[in-house]
Protein backbone atom coordinates (compact mmCIF):
# COMPACT_ATOMS: atom_id res chain seq x y z
CA MET A 1 -0.22 0.02 -0.13
CA GLU A 2 1.30 3.13 -1.14
CA ALA A 3 2.49 5.20 1.94
CA LEU A 4 0.43 8.56 2.82
CA ARG A 5 1.68 11.56 1.21
CA ARG A 6 2.35 14.47 3.62
CA THR A 7 4.46 17.71 3.50
CA HIS A 8 4.11 18.13 7.71
CA THR A 9 4.74 16.58 11.21
CA VAL A 10 3.30 17.50 14.62
CA ILE A 11 5.55 18.03 17.55
CA HIS A 12 5.14 18.92 21.25
CA LEU A 13 7.33 22.02 22.13
CA GLY A 14 8.20 22.17 25.59
CA ILE A 15 7.34 25.58 26.47
CA GLN A 16 7.53 27.77 29.80
CA ALA A 17 3.53 29.39 30.47
CA PRO A 18 2.01 29.52 33.50
CA ASP A 19 -1.45 27.32 32.09
CA ALA A 20 0.80 24.26 30.11
CA LYS A 21 3.87 22.58 29.82
CA THR A 22 3.76 21.47 26.12
CA LEU A 23 2.32 22.90 23.30
CA PRO A 24 1.14 20.94 19.98
CA VAL A 25 3.01 22.36 16.67
CA LEU A 26 3.09 22.14 12.98
CA VAL A 27 6.43 21.26 11.31
CA GLU A 28 6.94 22.13 7.34
CA LEU A 29 9.15 19.35 5.90
CA ASP A 30 9.11 20.92 2.47
CA ASP A 31 12.81 20.66 2.35
CA PRO A 32 13.81 17.78 5.22
CA GLU A 33 17.13 19.27 5.68
CA HIS A 34 15.74 22.39 7.03
CA PRO A 35 12.15 21.75 8.75
CA LYS A 36 10.26 24.86 10.26
CA ILE A 37 7.71 25.65 12.51
CA THR A 38 4.56 26.97 10.70
CA VAL A 39 4.22 29.67 13.10
CA SER A 40 0.55 30.71 12.27
CA VAL A 41 -0.48 27.37 12.74
CA ALA A 42 1.65 27.62 16.11
CA LYS A 43 0.02 30.80 17.57
CA PHE A 44 -3.31 29.85 16.60
CA ALA A 45 -2.41 26.43 18.85
CA ARG A 46 -1.13 29.15 21.66
CA TYR A 47 -4.30 31.32 21.90
CA LEU A 48 -7.10 27.66 22.03
CA GLN A 49 -5.16 26.50 24.86
CA ARG A 50 -5.28 29.77 26.42
CA GLU A 51 -8.39 30.55 26.18
CA GLY A 52 -9.00 26.87 27.84
CA VAL A 53 -12.22 25.63 25.51
CA TYR A 54 -10.02 22.65 23.96
CA SER A 55 -8.67 19.69 25.67
CA TYR A 56 -4.58 19.00 24.65
CA ASP A 57 -6.00 15.78 22.77
CA LYS A 58 -8.42 18.30 20.71
CA LEU A 59 -5.77 20.69 20.54
CA ARG A 60 -3.15 18.09 19.18
CA LYS A 61 -6.22 17.04 16.50
CA ALA A 62 -6.88 20.57 15.45
CA VAL A 63 -3.14 20.82 14.73
CA ILE A 64 -3.07 18.13 12.54
CA ALA A 65 -6.27 18.92 10.72
CA ILE A 66 -4.46 21.77 9.67
CA GLY A 67 -1.51 20.04 8.65
CA LYS A 68 -3.96 18.04 6.06
CA LEU A 69 -5.63 21.32 5.08
CA ARG A 70 -1.57 22.24 3.76
CA ASP A 71 -1.17 18.62 2.78
CA PHE A 72 -4.42 19.17 0.20
CA TYR A 73 -3.06 23.01 -0.56
CA LEU A 74 0.58 21.74 -1.53
CA CYS A 75 0.12 18.48 -2.97
CA GLU A 76 -3.25 18.58 -5.20
CA ARG A 77 -3.36 22.51 -5.76
CA GLY A 78 0.85 22.86 -6.26
CA GLY A 79 0.77 25.06 -3.77
CA GLU A 80 0.12 27.97 -6.75
CA MET A 81 -1.99 30.80 -5.90
CA LEU A 82 -5.45 30.44 -7.40
CA THR A 83 -7.87 31.87 -9.54
CA PRO A 84 -11.18 32.87 -7.79
CA ASP A 85 -13.28 30.25 -8.79
CA GLY A 86 -10.51 27.89 -7.62
CA MET A 87 -10.03 30.01 -4.24
CA LYS A 88 -14.11 29.44 -3.94
CA SER A 89 -13.75 25.77 -3.65
CA LEU A 90 -10.39 25.05 -1.33
CA LEU A 91 -12.74 24.41 1.15
CA GLU A 92 -15.08 22.37 0.00
CA ASP A 93 -12.97 20.32 -1.97
CA PHE A 94 -10.69 19.87 1.02
CA LEU A 95 -14.44 18.54 3.21
CA PHE A 96 -15.00 16.45 0.62
CA ALA A 97 -11.92 14.45 0.74
CA ILE A 98 -11.43 14.06 4.13
CA ASP A 99 -15.05 12.97 3.83
CA HIS A 100 -14.77 10.38 1.35
CA GLY A 101 -10.92 10.16 1.37
CA THR A 102 -10.10 9.77 -2.75
CA ILE A 103 -6.87 11.47 -2.57
CA LEU A 104 -3.76 11.62 -0.88
CA ASN A 105 -4.35 7.90 0.66
CA TRP A 106 -6.49 9.23 3.07
CA ARG A 107 -9.42 6.82 4.48
CA PRO A 108 -12.93 8.26 5.15
CA ALA A 109 -13.02 9.94 8.35
CA SER A 110 -15.91 9.21 10.52
CA ASN A 111 -18.23 11.61 11.21
CA HIS A 112 -16.56 12.69 14.37
CA ASP A 113 -13.40 13.03 12.93
CA TYR A 114 -15.02 14.94 9.93
CA LEU A 115 -16.65 17.50 11.89
CA GLN A 116 -13.94 17.93 14.46
CA THR A 117 -11.38 18.76 11.48
CA ARG A 118 -14.03 20.97 9.77
CA SER A 119 -14.06 23.11 13.53
CA ALA A 120 -10.45 22.95 13.84
CA VAL A 121 -10.07 24.48 10.00
CA PHE A 122 -12.83 26.96 9.98
CA GLU A 123 -11.71 28.33 13.52
CA TYR A 124 -7.83 29.05 12.10
CA VAL A 125 -9.02 30.80 8.81
CA LYS A 126 -11.34 32.93 11.17
CA PHE A 127 -8.23 33.38 13.44
CA LEU A 128 -6.28 34.50 10.70
CA LEU A 129 -8.95 36.63 9.33
CA ASP A 130 -9.10 38.58 12.59
CA ASN A 131 -5.41 38.95 12.72
CA PRO A 132 -4.73 40.79 9.15
CA SER A 133 -1.77 43.16 10.42
CA VAL A 134 0.67 40.74 11.89
CA ASP A 135 3.73 40.22 10.06
CA TRP A 136 3.97 36.16 8.86
CA PRO A 137 7.25 34.66 7.76
CA THR A 138 7.19 35.05 4.15
CA HIS A 139 7.44 31.03 3.56
CA GLU A 140 3.57 31.07 4.98
CA LEU A 141 2.49 33.87 3.26
CA ARG A 142 0.72 32.12 0.05
CA PHE A 143 -0.64 29.40 2.33
CA ILE A 144 -2.43 31.65 4.52
CA ALA A 145 -3.23 34.20 1.70
CA ALA A 146 -4.79 31.32 0.06
CA CYS A 147 -6.92 30.01 3.50
CA ARG A 148 -8.15 33.85 3.59
CA ASP A 149 -9.26 33.94 0.08
CA ALA A 150 -11.21 30.64 0.38
CA TRP A 151 -13.11 31.77 3.11
CA GLN A 152 -14.10 35.51 1.61
CA ASN A 153 -14.80 34.11 -1.99
CA ALA A 154 -16.93 31.86 -0.54
CA THR A 155 -19.96 34.08 -1.10
CA HIS A 156 -23.60 33.91 0.25
CA ALA A 157 -21.71 31.26 3.31
CA GLU A 158 -24.56 29.77 4.41
CA LYS A 159 -26.15 28.78 1.21
CA SER A 160 -22.87 27.70 -0.23
CA LEU A 161 -21.61 24.02 -0.22
CA LEU A 162 -19.07 25.10 2.86
CA PHE A 163 -21.82 24.84 4.77
CA HIS A 164 -23.16 21.49 3.41
CA THR A 165 -22.04 19.29 6.57
CA LYS A 166 -24.08 21.15 8.73
CA LYS A 167 -26.65 18.13 8.59
CA ARG A 168 -24.03 15.84 9.48
CA GLY A 169 -24.34 17.15 13.12
CA ARG A 170 -28.59 15.57 12.74
CA LYS A 171 -29.07 12.00 12.20
CA LYS A 172 -29.09 10.74 8.93
CA ALA A 173 -31.77 8.76 7.49
CA ARG A 174 -29.24 7.70 4.50
CA GLY A 175 -26.06 7.50 4.05
CA ARG A 176 -22.27 5.34 4.71
CA LYS A 177 -22.39 3.59 8.08
CA ARG A 178 -18.96 3.68 9.44
CA ILE A 179 -17.15 0.25 10.47
CA VAL A 180 -17.11 0.44 14.05
CA THR A 181 -13.41 -1.78 15.54
CA GLY A 182 -11.85 -2.15 18.94
CA LEU A 183 -12.77 -0.77 21.92
CA ARG A 184 -15.37 1.21 20.98
CA HIS A 185 -17.52 -1.92 20.80
CA TYR A 186 -18.97 -2.75 24.06
CA LYS A 187 -16.17 -4.84 25.74
CA PRO A 188 -16.34 -5.75 29.48
CA PHE A 189 -13.83 -7.53 30.81
CA PRO A 190 -14.70 -11.32 31.06
CA PRO A 191 -16.56 -11.20 34.31
CA ASP A 192 -15.16 -14.44 35.62
CA LEU A 193 -11.88 -13.12 35.42
CA VAL A 194 -11.75 -9.95 36.57
CA VAL A 195 -11.42 -11.70 40.72
CA PRO A 196 -8.43 -13.80 38.95
CA LEU A 197 -6.85 -10.39 37.23
CA ILE A 198 -6.72 -8.86 40.79
CA GLU A 199 -5.28 -12.01 42.72
CA HIS A 200 -2.75 -12.43 40.09
CA THR A 201 -1.62 -8.70 40.26
CA LYS A 202 1.95 -8.66 41.66
CA ASN A 203 1.83 -5.52 44.44
CA ILE A 204 -0.38 -3.68 46.42
CA ARG A 205 -0.83 -0.60 44.47
CA ASP A 206 -1.87 -2.30 41.33
CA LYS A 207 -4.32 -4.92 43.51
CA LEU A 208 -6.40 -1.56 44.95
CA LEU A 209 -6.05 0.28 41.48
CA PHE A 210 -7.60 -2.45 39.57
CA SER A 211 -10.11 -2.74 42.31
CA LEU A 212 -10.89 0.48 42.67
CA MET A 213 -11.85 0.34 38.78
CA ALA A 214 -13.51 -2.84 38.70
CA PHE A 215 -15.36 -2.28 41.53
CA GLY A 216 -15.56 1.31 41.79
CA GLY A 217 -16.36 1.74 38.11
CA ARG A 218 -14.30 4.92 37.22
CA ARG A 219 -11.91 5.93 34.59
CA LEU A 220 -8.21 5.52 35.29
CA SER A 221 -7.39 9.03 34.52
CA GLU A 222 -9.68 10.32 37.05
CA MET A 223 -7.94 7.85 39.51
CA LEU A 224 -4.88 9.55 38.95
CA HIS A 225 -6.11 12.88 40.36
CA LEU A 226 -6.93 11.09 43.57
CA PHE A 227 -5.10 13.30 46.43
CA VAL A 228 -3.53 11.15 49.47
CA GLY A 229 -6.77 13.43 51.34
CA ASP A 230 -9.09 11.93 48.79
CA VAL A 231 -9.17 8.15 50.32
CA GLU A 232 -9.86 8.11 53.81
CA ALA A 233 -11.21 4.98 56.16
CA ARG A 234 -14.88 4.95 57.24
CA GLY A 235 -14.87 2.91 59.79
CA LEU A 236 -14.45 -0.55 58.63
CA SER A 237 -14.75 0.41 55.01
CA VAL A 238 -12.98 3.13 52.54
CA GLY A 239 -14.49 6.19 51.01
CA VAL A 240 -13.00 7.09 47.60
CA VAL A 241 -14.31 10.89 46.42
CA LEU A 242 -13.28 12.49 42.84
CA ARG A 243 -12.95 16.09 42.32
CA HIS A 244 -12.42 18.50 39.45
CA PRO A 245 -8.58 18.60 39.20
CA SER A 246 -8.61 22.18 38.70
CA GLN A 247 -11.81 24.10 40.02
CA SER A 248 -12.73 22.14 42.95
CA PRO A 249 -12.49 24.09 46.16
CA MET A 250 -10.29 22.79 49.38
CA LYS A 251 -8.60 24.43 52.16
CA TRP A 252 -5.31 24.01 53.60
CA THR A 253 -2.57 25.31 55.47
CA SER A 254 0.38 27.50 54.12
CA ALA A 255 3.95 26.98 55.13
CA THR A 256 3.49 29.81 57.28
CA GLY A 257 0.74 28.21 59.73
CA ALA A 258 -2.16 30.35 58.13
CA THR A 259 -4.96 28.62 56.72
CA VAL A 260 -6.16 29.32 52.90
CA LYS A 261 -9.12 28.32 51.26
CA GLY A 262 -8.91 28.21 47.61
CA SER A 263 -9.09 25.77 44.60
CA ARG A 264 -7.26 23.22 43.96
CA VAL A 265 -4.91 24.53 40.81
CA GLU A 266 -4.54 27.50 43.84
CA TYR A 267 -3.08 24.65 45.88
CA LEU A 268 -0.38 23.06 43.55
CA ARG A 269 0.96 26.22 42.38
CA ASN A 270 1.37 27.61 45.48
CA MET A 271 2.06 25.19 47.47
CA PHE A 272 4.04 22.61 45.36
CA GLN A 273 4.40 24.90 42.15
CA LEU A 274 2.64 22.44 40.03
CA LEU A 275 0.13 22.15 37.32
CA PRO A 276 -2.93 20.47 37.09
CA ARG A 277 -2.23 16.66 35.11
CA THR A 278 -5.02 18.07 32.59
CA GLU A 279 -2.92 20.82 31.67
CA HIS A 280 0.34 18.88 31.28
CA GLY A 281 0.44 18.14 27.69
CA ALA A 282 2.20 15.62 25.78
CA GLN A 283 3.95 14.75 28.97
CA PRO A 284 3.69 11.28 30.60
CA SER A 285 2.57 12.76 33.89
CA ALA A 286 -0.67 13.80 31.59
CA ALA A 287 -3.52 12.76 33.10
CA GLY A 288 -7.69 14.00 31.34
CA TRP A 289 -10.27 14.92 32.77
CA LYS A 290 -13.70 14.20 31.11
CA GLY A 291 -17.15 15.84 31.94
CA MET A 292 -19.06 14.47 34.66
CA LYS A 293 -22.56 14.60 37.12
CA PHE A 294 -21.32 15.65 40.73
CA ASP A 295 -23.11 14.73 43.53
CA ASP A 296 -22.16 18.09 45.01
CA GLU A 297 -21.87 20.56 42.16
CA ALA A 298 -20.71 23.42 44.90
CA ARG A 299 -17.80 21.46 45.89
CA MET A 300 -17.45 19.57 42.34
CA SER A 301 -17.14 16.32 43.94
CA SER A 302 -18.32 13.10 43.37
CA GLU A 303 -18.24 9.56 45.66
CA VAL A 304 -17.57 6.40 44.07
CA TYR A 305 -19.94 4.16 44.67
CA PHE A 306 -18.88 0.24 45.20
CA ILE A 307 -20.29 -2.94 43.98
CA ARG A 308 -20.00 -6.44 45.28
CA GLU A 309 -19.58 -5.59 49.13
CA VAL A 310 -16.17 -4.96 48.81
CA GLU A 311 -15.33 -2.11 51.08
CA SER A 312 -13.42 -3.86 53.76
CA TYR A 313 -11.29 -5.27 51.42
CA LEU A 314 -10.19 -1.85 49.83
CA LEU A 315 -9.64 -0.57 53.30
CA THR A 316 -7.35 -3.43 53.70
CA LEU A 317 -5.67 -2.72 50.53
CA HIS A 318 -5.38 1.05 51.24
CA ARG A 319 -3.83 0.53 54.32
CA ALA A 320 -1.70 -1.83 52.75
CA TYR A 321 -0.33 0.71 50.60
CA LEU A 322 -0.01 3.16 52.63
CA HIS A 323 2.12 1.71 54.88
CA GLU A 324 4.06 -1.16 52.90
CA VAL A 325 4.40 0.82 49.63
CA ARG A 326 4.29 4.29 49.76
CA SER A 327 5.73 5.20 52.80
CA LYS A 328 8.37 3.41 51.68
CA VAL A 329 9.23 5.39 48.22
CA PRO A 330 11.02 8.45 48.03
CA ARG A 331 8.69 11.65 48.78
CA ARG A 332 8.63 13.78 46.50
CA PRO A 333 7.15 17.61 46.88
CA HIS A 334 2.99 16.40 45.22
CA PRO A 335 -0.06 15.33 46.76
CA TYR A 336 -1.58 12.39 44.80
CA TYR A 337 -2.43 9.15 46.11
CA PHE A 338 -0.95 6.44 43.17
CA VAL A 339 2.62 7.34 42.76
CA ALA A 340 5.81 5.11 40.92
CA LEU A 341 8.88 3.32 42.53
CA ASP A 342 10.49 6.66 42.36
CA GLY A 343 7.52 8.89 43.96
CA GLU A 344 6.57 10.82 41.16
CA PRO A 345 2.87 10.14 40.22
CA LEU A 346 1.61 7.13 38.54
CA THR A 347 1.47 7.57 34.97
CA ILE A 348 -1.50 6.09 32.88
CA ARG A 349 1.57 4.25 30.35
CA ALA A 350 3.05 2.15 33.69
CA VAL A 351 -0.37 1.28 34.36
CA GLU A 352 -1.66 -0.05 31.00
CA LYS A 353 2.00 -1.87 31.04
CA GLN A 354 0.90 -3.37 34.64
CA PHE A 355 -2.29 -4.04 33.51
CA SER A 356 -0.99 -5.96 30.36
CA LEU A 357 1.37 -7.74 32.51
CA ALA A 358 -1.52 -8.95 34.50
CA CYS A 359 -3.71 -10.20 31.14
CA ARG A 360 -0.67 -12.32 30.15
CA ARG A 361 -0.67 -14.03 33.48
CA LEU A 362 -4.27 -14.79 33.18
CA GLU A 363 -3.83 -15.95 29.25
CA LYS A 364 -0.95 -18.28 30.57
CA LYS A 365 -2.32 -20.15 33.65
CA TYR A 366 -6.53 -20.07 32.23
CA GLY A 367 -5.70 -20.38 28.36
CA VAL A 368 -7.67 -17.62 26.94
CA SER A 369 -7.11 -14.59 24.98
CA LEU A 370 -7.19 -11.24 26.18
CA GLU A 371 -5.96 -9.23 23.09
CA GLY A 372 -7.45 -5.54 22.97
CA TYR A 373 -8.63 -5.37 26.50
CA GLY A 374 -7.36 -2.39 28.32
CA PRO A 375 -7.72 -1.00 31.94
CA HIS A 376 -11.03 0.97 30.67
CA SER A 377 -12.94 -2.37 29.83
CA LEU A 378 -13.01 -2.92 33.95
CA ARG A 379 -15.44 0.03 34.21
CA HIS A 380 -17.32 -1.48 31.55
CA TYR A 381 -17.27 -4.60 33.78
CA TYR A 382 -19.01 -2.06 36.22
CA GLY A 383 -21.62 -1.58 34.11
CA PHE A 384 -22.18 -4.59 33.22
CA TYR A 385 -22.71 -5.62 36.51
CA CYS A 386 -24.94 -2.88 37.60
CA ALA A 387 -27.26 -3.47 34.64
CA ASP A 388 -26.94 -7.51 34.16
CA VAL A 389 -27.08 -8.58 37.22
CA LEU A 390 -28.74 -5.80 39.90
CA ARG A 391 -30.70 -4.80 37.27
CA ALA A 392 -30.64 -1.38 38.44
CA ASP A 393 -32.27 1.55 36.84
CA LEU A 394 -30.25 3.52 34.26
CA LEU A 395 -30.65 6.68 35.75
CA LEU A 396 -28.72 5.14 38.85
CA ILE A 397 -25.91 3.41 36.80
CA GLN A 398 -25.60 6.59 35.42
CA LYS A 399 -24.94 8.97 39.05
CA TRP A 400 -22.69 5.74 40.19
CA MET A 401 -20.67 6.09 37.11
CA GLY A 402 -20.81 9.46 36.85
CA HIS A 403 -21.89 10.28 33.77
CA ALA A 404 -23.25 13.62 32.61
CA GLN A 405 -25.75 12.38 29.93
CA PRO A 406 -27.86 8.72 30.41
CA SER A 407 -26.57 8.44 26.17
CA SER A 408 -23.09 7.64 27.82
CA THR A 409 -24.17 5.11 30.43
CA ALA A 410 -26.35 3.53 27.63
CA VAL A 411 -23.01 2.34 26.56
CA TYR A 412 -21.96 0.53 29.20
CA ALA A 413 -25.35 -0.70 30.56
CA HIS A 414 -25.21 -3.88 28.85
CA ILE A 415 -27.67 -6.88 28.78
CA SER A 416 -26.14 -9.97 27.98
CA PRO A 417 -28.13 -12.40 25.39
CA GLU A 418 -28.88 -14.56 28.37
CA THR A 419 -29.81 -12.24 30.91
CA ALA A 420 -32.46 -10.94 28.10
CA ALA A 421 -33.31 -13.70 27.31
CA LYS A 422 -34.42 -15.32 30.74
CA ALA A 423 -35.83 -11.77 31.54
CA LEU A 424 -38.41 -12.28 28.22
CA ALA A 425 -39.14 -15.75 30.27
CA ASP A 426 -39.35 -14.66 33.67
CA ALA A 427 -41.80 -11.96 32.31
CA GLN A 428 -43.89 -14.25 30.72
CA ILE A 429 -44.18 -16.56 34.02
CA GLN A 430 -44.68 -13.70 36.07
CA ALA A 431 -47.91 -12.77 33.62
CA LYS A 432 -48.92 -16.51 34.58
CA LEU A 433 -48.62 -15.84 38.21
CA ASP A 434 -50.33 -12.95 37.96
CA GLY A 435 -53.33 -14.03 36.22
CA ARG A 436 -52.95 -12.58 32.91
CA VAL A 437 -52.27 -15.43 31.02
CA SER A 438 -53.96 -18.65 31.51
CA ILE A 439 -52.30 -21.36 33.98
CA THR A 440 -52.72 -24.90 35.47
CA PRO A 441 -52.40 -25.60 39.53
CA GLU A 442 -49.31 -28.10 38.62
CA GLU A 443 -47.95 -25.10 36.59
CA ARG A 444 -48.16 -22.45 39.50
CA GLU A 445 -46.33 -24.80 42.24
CA ALA A 446 -43.67 -25.76 39.55
CA ILE A 447 -42.91 -21.71 39.34
CA ALA A 448 -42.68 -21.49 43.13
CA GLN A 449 -40.05 -24.05 43.27
CA SER A 450 -38.29 -22.56 40.54
CA PHE A 451 -37.42 -18.95 42.16
CA ALA A 452 -36.55 -20.77 45.01
CA GLY A 453 -32.97 -20.18 46.59
CA GLN A 454 -31.61 -17.96 43.82
CA SER A 455 -28.74 -15.79 44.51
CA ILE A 456 -25.96 -13.75 43.55
CA GLU A 457 -22.57 -14.92 43.70
CA PRO A 458 -21.34 -13.64 46.76
CA ILE A 459 -17.46 -12.49 46.40
CA PRO A 460 -14.67 -14.51 48.03
CA GLU A 461 -14.54 -15.19 51.35
CA ALA A 462 -11.11 -14.63 51.51
CA TRP A 463 -11.67 -10.93 50.86
CA ARG A 464 -13.96 -10.42 54.01
CA LEU A 465 -11.35 -9.93 56.32
CA ASP A 466 -10.97 -8.13 59.70
CA SER A 467 -8.61 -5.18 60.11
CA THR A 468 -5.80 -7.35 61.75
CA ARG A 469 -4.70 -9.36 59.06
CA PHE A 470 -4.33 -8.45 55.10
CA GLY A 471 -6.21 -11.97 54.04
CA MET A 472 -5.20 -12.77 50.27
CA LEU A 473 -2.39 -10.66 49.87
CA ASP A 474 0.26 -12.40 49.88
CA THR A 475 3.17 -11.48 52.31
CA ARG A 476 5.94 -12.13 49.37
CA ASN A 477 4.13 -9.40 47.30
CA LEU A 478 4.63 -6.78 49.55
CA GLN A 479 8.13 -6.89 49.18
CA ARG A 480 8.17 -6.86 45.21
CA PRO A 481 9.08 -3.34 43.95
CA LEU A 482 6.88 -1.24 41.84
CA ARG A 483 6.90 -1.24 38.15
């Protein structure tokens, strides 16, 4: 297959800014021996970053989209000054090519990617129009002029084909169907292997983290934003509260002994000279934060709700982690709960590696394939358990999982075909018991006996622990180094 044709690359440039650590920039490779940063795109990206509307990942995708527009202009249009008609169709033809993947070996874009590309390109062109007096570098002037003229020459823009894609924001009755692959399919971690996964995890930190995700149903990135004070013992159970990584209010004692009230971003800056992990850009320490429905909107906090009565087990892991693991790693100036061997905040990449190693152990022991599963599949397991086993209401599952919209919960709250078939059979039996369907006395007696003795499979007995021992925890694992 022929390689993709492009005249650029995207790199992450380290910057010194009060609100960010890196910035995605477009590097022109027209002359590979003398690459140049596209200043207009860098300024545009920094403008979006300061505004705080785009996440870093969306910002990176916006820069990639502008790079594709530049490829289209140079490779398909030859980079020459175009006629007015050519200018008018530049953006339209580019969007058509993105949509259908007809040139430069592009693949047809999904609706989501298409709309992101369209939005990024339009915002970039508007940024250029709003800054007409900027003295741009000479090597960018032709491309900038082409973008400006393409927009200005698209007369009657609301009726132009340039805006034909507005209908893509609504559900289309007809059109091309996309093939969805990977974990975008509904894919919970196999329910019968969740406990073995935790039991075969080699250190306490990862046992605790995987347990919180599987039985608490929250995202990995949310777990990595936890401060030490967000996890606490509550009698014989453990309590975990998620708080917005930058805006959630808090109170702390300053170096001078004064009590200070402020937000988390102020706490991190004043006490540790740190930015929230959402602002670490392309650095390994970065962790995202998706919108969630808070239990307490004023404090921007959300309780973690646990299934399978594992709170006492989690409390044991929490204590073991603090006393046997975290107290032995080097102390670093940060408040984060989960740390690596060097004491620095635990990274997403490190968790994914440990999860993969645990999966390989299960594959070797049980002869199964866990290819394609990631830590996020534990969150899917939580949604599956709540819907398929507990048969909980969708609005309750939404609250437990912290989704802002019920439509997001519906992706996770999957009902297995076996449960659906049994529910239908039970509904028919119930109709007979209620007298809505005719039934004989013999059938009624048989039905009553069939319902006797049903129960949900309990958690392992070894997990029901008292505070004086660590139960299933292998003491040899306490000495294993964190990876």
